[in-house]
Amino acid sequence: MVEQLEWRRGRTGLVSVAVLAGFALLTACGGGADGDDRPAVPPTASGTLEQLASKARCEPDLQTDAEEIRQANCKTGDGRYVLATFATDRGQREWINEANDYGGSYLVGRKWVAVGDADVVAALRGRLGGTVETASPHHSGNSGSGGSEEGHSGHRTS
């Protein structure tokens, strides 16, 4: 009887391992529980501007090389975009907040951002992970409506 219990306990462990391995394989292949066909998003990348550019398959054309921000233009088969890295989280958020006034799509990671057309940003997300933020352009000056944009962020995160 003890041998039977030990055999069952061992077999249950093997079955559990097989079930978990199968689930991991399905999840990695994008067959998530919600059934959508979107590719899995990798963990958010980190590193220097050059390391991020390499992961994004871009040869960066460095435009700004300052202590607080490094910024490069990139061009891949997906299109053109700007890749920027920041010395601080606060500096990154301030840059994004100012850039939001111009609208656009942003792929945001910790201390880095990629800016480009929505389809380019979506393709980059498949390589760099991160969060997509979109912004509507704000009007500056007098729009003639007499209204206020106070409280309107024009900002959406997905």
N, C-alpha and C. Protein backbone atom coordinates (compact mmCIF):
# COMPACT_ATOMS: atom_id res chain seq x y z
N MET A 1 0.82 -1.18 0.00
CA MET A 1 0.00 0.00 0.00
C MET A 1 0.87 1.25 0.00
N VAL A 2 1.92 1.30 0.79
CA VAL A 2 2.82 2.45 0.84
C VAL A 2 3.46 2.65 -0.53
N GLU A 3 3.85 1.57 -1.20
CA GLU A 3 4.46 1.69 -2.52
C GLU A 3 3.48 2.30 -3.52
N GLN A 4 2.18 1.92 -3.43
CA GLN A 4 1.18 2.47 -4.33
C GLN A 4 1.02 3.98 -4.11
N LEU A 5 0.98 4.41 -2.84
CA LEU A 5 0.84 5.83 -2.54
C LEU A 5 2.05 6.61 -3.06
N GLU A 6 3.24 6.05 -2.87
CA GLU A 6 4.43 6.72 -3.36
C GLU A 6 4.40 6.83 -4.88
N TRP A 7 3.95 5.77 -5.56
CA TRP A 7 3.87 5.79 -7.02
C TRP A 7 2.87 6.84 -7.48
N ARG A 8 1.71 6.90 -6.84
CA ARG A 8 0.68 7.88 -7.19
C ARG A 8 1.18 9.30 -6.95
N ARG A 9 1.82 9.50 -5.82
CA ARG A 9 2.34 10.82 -5.50
C ARG A 9 3.37 11.23 -6.55
N GLY A 10 4.23 10.34 -6.95
CA GLY A 10 5.24 10.62 -7.97
C GLY A 10 4.60 10.88 -9.31
N ARG A 11 3.59 10.08 -9.67
CA ARG A 11 2.92 10.25 -10.96
C ARG A 11 2.14 11.57 -11.00
N THR A 12 1.50 11.94 -9.90
CA THR A 12 0.78 13.21 -9.84
C THR A 12 1.75 14.35 -10.06
N GLY A 13 2.93 14.27 -9.49
CA GLY A 13 3.94 15.30 -9.68
C GLY A 13 4.33 15.42 -11.14
N LEU A 14 4.49 14.29 -11.83
CA LEU A 14 4.84 14.30 -13.25
C LEU A 14 3.72 14.91 -14.09
N VAL A 15 2.48 14.54 -13.77
CA VAL A 15 1.34 15.10 -14.49
C VAL A 15 1.28 16.60 -14.27
N SER A 16 1.47 17.06 -13.05
CA SER A 16 1.45 18.50 -12.76
C SER A 16 2.53 19.23 -13.54
N VAL A 17 3.71 18.67 -13.59
CA VAL A 17 4.81 19.28 -14.34
C VAL A 17 4.46 19.35 -15.82
N ALA A 18 3.86 18.28 -16.36
CA ALA A 18 3.49 18.25 -17.77
C ALA A 18 2.41 19.29 -18.07
N VAL A 19 1.42 19.42 -17.18
CA VAL A 19 0.36 20.41 -17.38
C VAL A 19 0.94 21.82 -17.33
N LEU A 20 1.80 22.09 -16.35
CA LEU A 20 2.42 23.41 -16.25
C LEU A 20 3.29 23.73 -17.46
N ALA A 21 4.02 22.75 -17.94
CA ALA A 21 4.86 22.96 -19.12
C ALA A 21 4.01 23.26 -20.35
N GLY A 22 2.90 22.54 -20.50
CA GLY A 22 1.99 22.80 -21.62
C GLY A 22 1.39 24.18 -21.54
N PHE A 23 0.99 24.61 -20.35
CA PHE A 23 0.43 25.95 -20.17
C PHE A 23 1.46 27.01 -20.50
N ALA A 24 2.70 26.81 -20.05
CA ALA A 24 3.76 27.77 -20.35
C ALA A 24 4.01 27.86 -21.85
N LEU A 25 3.96 26.74 -22.54
CA LEU A 25 4.16 26.73 -23.98
C LEU A 25 3.03 27.48 -24.69
N LEU A 26 1.79 27.26 -24.29
CA LEU A 26 0.66 27.98 -24.89
C LEU A 26 0.77 29.47 -24.66
N THR A 27 1.14 29.86 -23.45
CA THR A 27 1.26 31.27 -23.12
C THR A 27 2.38 31.91 -23.94
N ALA A 28 3.49 31.24 -24.07
CA ALA A 28 4.62 31.78 -24.83
C ALA A 28 4.29 31.91 -26.30
N CYS A 29 3.42 31.07 -26.82
CA CYS A 29 3.04 31.11 -28.23
C CYS A 29 1.94 32.13 -28.51
N GLY A 30 1.49 32.84 -27.48
CA GLY A 30 0.48 33.87 -27.68
C GLY A 30 -0.94 33.35 -27.60
N GLY A 31 -1.12 32.11 -27.26
CA GLY A 31 -2.46 31.56 -27.15
C GLY A 31 -3.02 31.82 -25.78
N GLY A 32 -3.17 33.09 -25.41
CA GLY A 32 -3.65 33.46 -24.09
C GLY A 32 -5.11 33.11 -23.90
N ALA A 33 -5.57 33.26 -22.69
CA ALA A 33 -6.93 32.88 -22.33
C ALA A 33 -7.97 33.76 -23.02
N ASP A 34 -7.60 35.00 -23.38
CA ASP A 34 -8.57 35.86 -24.02
C ASP A 34 -8.72 35.58 -25.50
N GLY A 35 -7.87 34.74 -26.06
CA GLY A 35 -8.01 34.28 -27.43
C GLY A 35 -7.62 35.30 -28.49
N ASP A 36 -7.05 36.46 -28.10
CA ASP A 36 -6.67 37.40 -29.15
C ASP A 36 -5.38 36.92 -29.83
N ASP A 37 -5.16 37.40 -31.03
CA ASP A 37 -4.02 36.94 -31.82
C ASP A 37 -2.84 37.89 -31.76
N ARG A 38 -2.87 38.87 -30.86
CA ARG A 38 -1.76 39.80 -30.76
C ARG A 38 -0.54 39.07 -30.21
N PRO A 39 0.66 39.42 -30.71
CA PRO A 39 1.86 38.78 -30.20
C PRO A 39 2.09 39.14 -28.74
N ALA A 40 2.75 38.26 -28.04
CA ALA A 40 3.07 38.51 -26.64
C ALA A 40 4.04 39.68 -26.55
N VAL A 41 3.89 40.50 -25.53
CA VAL A 41 4.78 41.64 -25.31
C VAL A 41 5.89 41.17 -24.39
N PRO A 42 7.15 41.38 -24.80
CA PRO A 42 8.26 40.95 -23.94
C PRO A 42 8.37 41.85 -22.71
N PRO A 43 9.14 41.42 -21.73
CA PRO A 43 9.39 42.29 -20.58
C PRO A 43 10.02 43.60 -21.07
N THR A 44 9.76 44.68 -20.38
CA THR A 44 10.28 45.98 -20.78
C THR A 44 11.80 45.98 -20.75
N ALA A 45 12.39 46.38 -21.87
CA ALA A 45 13.84 46.43 -22.01
C ALA A 45 14.43 47.54 -21.15
N SER A 46 15.70 47.42 -20.88
CA SER A 46 16.42 48.48 -20.18
C SER A 46 17.83 48.53 -20.75
N GLY A 47 18.53 49.60 -20.43
CA GLY A 47 19.91 49.72 -20.88
C GLY A 47 20.22 51.09 -21.44
N THR A 48 21.39 51.20 -22.03
CA THR A 48 21.82 52.44 -22.64
C THR A 48 21.08 52.65 -23.96
N LEU A 49 21.21 53.82 -24.51
CA LEU A 49 20.59 54.11 -25.80
C LEU A 49 21.07 53.10 -26.85
N GLU A 50 22.35 52.82 -26.85
CA GLU A 50 22.90 51.87 -27.82
C GLU A 50 22.37 50.45 -27.61
N GLN A 51 22.23 50.03 -26.36
CA GLN A 51 21.69 48.70 -26.07
C GLN A 51 20.23 48.59 -26.50
N LEU A 52 19.45 49.63 -26.22
CA LEU A 52 18.04 49.63 -26.63
C LEU A 52 17.93 49.64 -28.15
N ALA A 53 18.75 50.45 -28.80
CA ALA A 53 18.73 50.51 -30.27
C ALA A 53 19.07 49.15 -30.87
N SER A 54 20.02 48.46 -30.27
CA SER A 54 20.38 47.13 -30.76
C SER A 54 19.20 46.17 -30.63
N LYS A 55 18.51 46.20 -29.50
CA LYS A 55 17.33 45.34 -29.31
C LYS A 55 16.22 45.69 -30.30
N ALA A 56 16.16 46.98 -30.68
CA ALA A 56 15.14 47.43 -31.62
C ALA A 56 15.59 47.25 -33.07
N ARG A 57 16.80 46.75 -33.25
CA ARG A 57 17.38 46.53 -34.59
C ARG A 57 17.56 47.84 -35.35
N CYS A 58 18.14 48.81 -34.67
CA CYS A 58 18.36 50.14 -35.24
C CYS A 58 19.82 50.54 -35.07
N GLU A 59 20.37 51.21 -36.07
CA GLU A 59 21.68 51.84 -35.96
C GLU A 59 21.40 53.30 -35.60
N PRO A 60 21.57 53.69 -34.33
CA PRO A 60 21.14 55.02 -33.90
C PRO A 60 21.98 56.15 -34.50
N ASP A 61 21.31 57.20 -34.97
CA ASP A 61 21.96 58.42 -35.44
C ASP A 61 21.83 59.43 -34.31
N LEU A 62 22.86 59.50 -33.47
CA LEU A 62 22.83 60.30 -32.25
C LEU A 62 22.65 61.79 -32.58
N GLN A 63 21.64 62.40 -31.98
CA GLN A 63 21.33 63.82 -32.18
C GLN A 63 21.65 64.65 -30.94
N THR A 64 21.40 64.09 -29.76
CA THR A 64 21.64 64.79 -28.50
C THR A 64 22.39 63.85 -27.58
N ASP A 65 23.51 64.34 -27.04
CA ASP A 65 24.31 63.54 -26.12
C ASP A 65 24.65 64.41 -24.91
N ALA A 66 23.66 64.58 -24.04
CA ALA A 66 23.82 65.41 -22.84
C ALA A 66 23.71 64.53 -21.61
N GLU A 67 24.07 65.09 -20.48
CA GLU A 67 24.04 64.32 -19.23
C GLU A 67 22.62 63.86 -18.88
N GLU A 68 21.62 64.72 -19.12
CA GLU A 68 20.26 64.39 -18.72
C GLU A 68 19.46 63.65 -19.79
N ILE A 69 19.85 63.76 -21.07
CA ILE A 69 19.13 63.08 -22.14
C ILE A 69 20.07 62.72 -23.29
N ARG A 70 19.86 61.54 -23.83
CA ARG A 70 20.54 61.11 -25.06
C ARG A 70 19.43 60.76 -26.04
N GLN A 71 19.52 61.28 -27.24
CA GLN A 71 18.44 61.12 -28.20
C GLN A 71 19.03 60.80 -29.58
N ALA A 72 18.40 59.82 -30.26
CA ALA A 72 18.87 59.42 -31.58
C ALA A 72 17.70 59.19 -32.52
N ASN A 73 17.94 59.43 -33.80
CA ASN A 73 16.98 59.07 -34.83
C ASN A 73 17.26 57.64 -35.24
N CYS A 74 16.20 56.88 -35.48
CA CYS A 74 16.34 55.49 -35.91
C CYS A 74 15.47 55.25 -37.13
N LYS A 75 15.93 54.35 -37.97
CA LYS A 75 15.14 53.94 -39.12
C LYS A 75 15.31 52.43 -39.26
N THR A 76 14.17 51.74 -39.29
CA THR A 76 14.17 50.29 -39.49
C THR A 76 13.17 49.98 -40.60
N GLY A 77 12.98 48.71 -40.88
CA GLY A 77 11.99 48.31 -41.85
C GLY A 77 10.58 48.71 -41.44
N ASP A 78 10.38 48.95 -40.15
CA ASP A 78 9.06 49.36 -39.64
C ASP A 78 8.80 50.84 -39.86
N GLY A 79 9.86 51.64 -40.02
CA GLY A 79 9.71 53.08 -40.21
C GLY A 79 10.72 53.86 -39.38
N ARG A 80 10.50 55.16 -39.32
CA ARG A 80 11.40 56.07 -38.57
C ARG A 80 10.81 56.37 -37.20
N TYR A 81 11.71 56.57 -36.24
CA TYR A 81 11.29 56.95 -34.90
C TYR A 81 12.45 57.60 -34.17
N VAL A 82 12.15 58.22 -33.05
CA VAL A 82 13.16 58.82 -32.19
C VAL A 82 13.24 57.97 -30.93
N LEU A 83 14.46 57.66 -30.53
CA LEU A 83 14.71 56.90 -29.31
C LEU A 83 15.47 57.81 -28.36
N ALA A 84 14.98 57.93 -27.13
CA ALA A 84 15.63 58.80 -26.15
C ALA A 84 15.77 58.07 -24.82
N THR A 85 16.90 58.31 -24.16
CA THR A 85 17.11 57.79 -22.81
C THR A 85 17.34 58.98 -21.88
N PHE A 86 16.99 58.78 -20.62
CA PHE A 86 17.01 59.86 -19.65
C PHE A 86 17.80 59.46 -18.41
N ALA A 87 18.41 60.46 -17.78
CA ALA A 87 19.17 60.21 -16.55
C ALA A 87 18.25 59.93 -15.37
N THR A 88 17.04 60.54 -15.39
CA THR A 88 16.12 60.38 -14.26
C THR A 88 14.70 60.09 -14.75
N ASP A 89 13.92 59.47 -13.90
CA ASP A 89 12.50 59.24 -14.21
C ASP A 89 11.77 60.57 -14.35
N ARG A 90 12.10 61.52 -13.49
CA ARG A 90 11.45 62.82 -13.53
C ARG A 90 11.74 63.54 -14.86
N GLY A 91 12.97 63.49 -15.30
CA GLY A 91 13.34 64.10 -16.57
C GLY A 91 12.58 63.48 -17.73
N GLN A 92 12.43 62.17 -17.68
CA GLN A 92 11.66 61.47 -18.71
C GLN A 92 10.21 61.93 -18.71
N ARG A 93 9.57 61.97 -17.55
CA ARG A 93 8.16 62.36 -17.48
C ARG A 93 7.97 63.80 -17.93
N GLU A 94 8.88 64.70 -17.56
CA GLU A 94 8.78 66.09 -18.01
C GLU A 94 8.89 66.18 -19.53
N TRP A 95 9.79 65.40 -20.11
CA TRP A 95 9.96 65.39 -21.57
C TRP A 95 8.69 64.88 -22.25
N ILE A 96 8.13 63.80 -21.73
CA ILE A 96 6.90 63.24 -22.31
C ILE A 96 5.76 64.24 -22.19
N ASN A 97 5.62 64.87 -21.03
CA ASN A 97 4.55 65.85 -20.83
C ASN A 97 4.64 66.99 -21.84
N GLU A 98 5.84 67.48 -22.10
CA GLU A 98 6.01 68.54 -23.09
C GLU A 98 5.77 68.01 -24.50
N ALA A 99 6.25 66.82 -24.81
CA ALA A 99 6.08 66.24 -26.14
C ALA A 99 4.61 65.94 -26.43
N ASN A 100 3.82 65.64 -25.40
CA ASN A 100 2.40 65.34 -25.57
C ASN A 100 1.64 66.48 -26.23
N ASP A 101 2.13 67.70 -26.08
CA ASP A 101 1.47 68.85 -26.71
C ASP A 101 1.45 68.72 -28.23
N TYR A 102 2.34 67.90 -28.79
CA TYR A 102 2.42 67.73 -30.23
C TYR A 102 1.66 66.50 -30.71
N GLY A 103 1.11 65.74 -29.77
CA GLY A 103 0.39 64.51 -30.14
C GLY A 103 1.37 63.40 -30.45
N GLY A 104 0.85 62.28 -30.91
CA GLY A 104 1.71 61.18 -31.32
C GLY A 104 1.58 59.95 -30.45
N SER A 105 2.40 58.97 -30.80
CA SER A 105 2.44 57.70 -30.07
C SER A 105 3.82 57.54 -29.45
N TYR A 106 3.83 57.07 -28.21
CA TYR A 106 5.05 56.94 -27.44
C TYR A 106 5.13 55.53 -26.86
N LEU A 107 6.27 54.90 -27.01
CA LEU A 107 6.53 53.63 -26.34
C LEU A 107 7.42 53.99 -25.16
N VAL A 108 6.95 53.69 -23.96
CA VAL A 108 7.62 54.16 -22.75
C VAL A 108 8.12 52.99 -21.92
N GLY A 109 9.39 53.06 -21.56
CA GLY A 109 10.01 52.12 -20.64
C GLY A 109 10.63 52.92 -19.51
N ARG A 110 11.34 52.26 -18.63
CA ARG A 110 11.98 52.97 -17.51
C ARG A 110 13.18 53.74 -18.02
N LYS A 111 13.07 55.05 -17.97
CA LYS A 111 14.10 55.99 -18.39
C LYS A 111 14.37 55.96 -19.89
N TRP A 112 13.41 55.53 -20.69
CA TRP A 112 13.54 55.62 -22.15
C TRP A 112 12.18 55.78 -22.79
N VAL A 113 12.19 56.31 -24.00
CA VAL A 113 10.96 56.48 -24.77
C VAL A 113 11.31 56.38 -26.26
N ALA A 114 10.40 55.81 -27.02
CA ALA A 114 10.51 55.80 -28.48
C ALA A 114 9.27 56.50 -29.02
N VAL A 115 9.47 57.40 -29.96
CA VAL A 115 8.37 58.21 -30.50
C VAL A 115 8.29 58.00 -32.00
N GLY A 116 7.10 57.67 -32.49
CA GLY A 116 6.91 57.47 -33.91
C GLY A 116 5.44 57.29 -34.23
N ASP A 117 5.17 56.93 -35.48
CA ASP A 117 3.79 56.61 -35.87
C ASP A 117 3.30 55.42 -35.08
N ALA A 118 1.99 55.34 -34.93
CA ALA A 118 1.38 54.28 -34.11
C ALA A 118 1.82 52.88 -34.55
N ASP A 119 1.90 52.63 -35.87
CA ASP A 119 2.28 51.30 -36.33
C ASP A 119 3.76 51.01 -36.05
N VAL A 120 4.60 52.01 -36.09
CA VAL A 120 6.03 51.84 -35.77
C VAL A 120 6.18 51.53 -34.29
N VAL A 121 5.46 52.29 -33.46
CA VAL A 121 5.52 52.09 -32.01
C VAL A 121 5.01 50.68 -31.65
N ALA A 122 3.96 50.23 -32.32
CA ALA A 122 3.43 48.88 -32.06
C ALA A 122 4.46 47.82 -32.41
N ALA A 123 5.15 47.99 -33.53
CA ALA A 123 6.19 47.03 -33.92
C ALA A 123 7.34 47.04 -32.92
N LEU A 124 7.75 48.21 -32.47
CA LEU A 124 8.83 48.31 -31.49
C LEU A 124 8.46 47.65 -30.17
N ARG A 125 7.20 47.76 -29.80
CA ARG A 125 6.75 47.15 -28.54
C ARG A 125 6.98 45.65 -28.55
N GLY A 126 6.89 45.03 -29.71
CA GLY A 126 7.15 43.60 -29.81
C GLY A 126 8.60 43.24 -29.56
N ARG A 127 9.51 44.22 -29.64
CA ARG A 127 10.93 43.97 -29.38
C ARG A 127 11.41 44.55 -28.06
N LEU A 128 10.81 45.68 -27.65
CA LEU A 128 11.29 46.37 -26.45
C LEU A 128 10.35 46.28 -25.25
N GLY A 129 9.14 45.78 -25.46
CA GLY A 129 8.17 45.80 -24.36
C GLY A 129 7.74 47.23 -24.12
N GLY A 130 7.41 47.56 -22.90
CA GLY A 130 7.02 48.92 -22.58
C GLY A 130 5.52 49.15 -22.67
N THR A 131 5.13 50.39 -22.46
CA THR A 131 3.74 50.80 -22.46
C THR A 131 3.53 51.83 -23.56
N VAL A 132 2.46 51.68 -24.31
CA VAL A 132 2.14 52.64 -25.36
C VAL A 132 1.30 53.76 -24.78
N GLU A 133 1.71 54.99 -25.04
CA GLU A 133 0.95 56.17 -24.65
C GLU A 133 0.66 56.95 -25.92
N THR A 134 -0.54 57.45 -26.05
CA THR A 134 -0.89 58.30 -27.19
C THR A 134 -1.40 59.63 -26.67
N ALA A 135 -1.17 60.66 -27.46
CA ALA A 135 -1.61 62.00 -27.07
C ALA A 135 -2.21 62.70 -28.27
N SER A 136 -3.24 63.48 -28.01
CA SER A 136 -3.83 64.33 -29.04
C SER A 136 -3.13 65.66 -29.00
N PRO A 137 -2.90 66.26 -30.17
CA PRO A 137 -2.25 67.57 -30.15
C PRO A 137 -3.14 68.61 -29.47
N HIS A 138 -2.53 69.46 -28.69
CA HIS A 138 -3.25 70.54 -28.02
C HIS A 138 -3.16 71.79 -28.88
N HIS A 139 -4.18 72.60 -28.82
CA HIS A 139 -4.16 73.86 -29.55
C HIS A 139 -3.52 74.91 -28.66
N SER A 140 -2.67 75.73 -29.26
CA SER A 140 -2.08 76.80 -28.48
C SER A 140 -2.68 78.11 -28.94
N GLY A 141 -2.66 79.08 -28.07
CA GLY A 141 -3.20 80.39 -28.41
C GLY A 141 -4.71 80.40 -28.33
N ASN A 142 -5.30 81.42 -28.94
CA ASN A 142 -6.75 81.61 -28.89
C ASN A 142 -7.41 80.80 -29.99
N SER A 143 -8.23 79.86 -29.63
CA SER A 143 -8.91 79.03 -30.61
C SER A 143 -10.22 79.65 -31.05
N GLY A 144 -10.62 80.75 -30.41
CA GLY A 144 -11.86 81.42 -30.77
C GLY A 144 -13.08 80.80 -30.14
N SER A 145 -12.93 79.72 -29.42
CA SER A 145 -14.09 79.06 -28.83
C SER A 145 -14.44 79.62 -27.48
N GLY A 146 -13.49 80.33 -26.87
CA GLY A 146 -13.73 80.89 -25.55
C GLY A 146 -13.68 79.83 -24.47
N GLY A 147 -13.44 78.59 -24.85
CA GLY A 147 -13.40 77.50 -23.89
C GLY A 147 -12.01 77.32 -23.32
N SER A 148 -11.92 76.40 -22.43
CA SER A 148 -10.66 76.11 -21.78
C SER A 148 -10.35 74.63 -21.91
N GLU A 149 -9.08 74.31 -22.05
CA GLU A 149 -8.68 72.91 -22.08
C GLU A 149 -8.23 72.45 -20.71
N GLU A 150 -8.49 73.26 -19.71
CA GLU A 150 -8.09 72.92 -18.35
C GLU A 150 -8.70 71.57 -17.96
N GLY A 151 -7.88 70.71 -17.41
CA GLY A 151 -8.36 69.40 -16.99
C GLY A 151 -8.35 68.37 -18.10
N HIS A 152 -8.09 68.80 -19.33
CA HIS A 152 -8.04 67.85 -20.44
C HIS A 152 -6.61 67.45 -20.67
N SER A 153 -6.32 66.18 -20.53
CA SER A 153 -4.94 65.75 -20.70
C SER A 153 -4.65 65.32 -22.13
N GLY A 154 -5.65 64.87 -22.87
CA GLY A 154 -5.40 64.38 -24.22
C GLY A 154 -4.49 63.20 -24.23
N HIS A 155 -4.42 62.49 -23.13
CA HIS A 155 -3.42 61.46 -22.92
C HIS A 155 -4.08 60.12 -22.61
N ARG A 156 -3.64 59.08 -23.29
CA ARG A 156 -4.22 57.76 -23.07
C ARG A 156 -3.09 56.75 -22.99
N THR A 157 -3.21 55.82 -22.09
CA THR A 157 -2.21 54.77 -21.92
C THR A 157 -2.85 53.43 -22.24
N SER A 158 -2.09 52.58 -22.94
CA SER A 158 -2.60 51.23 -23.20
C SER A 158 -1.55 50.20 -22.92
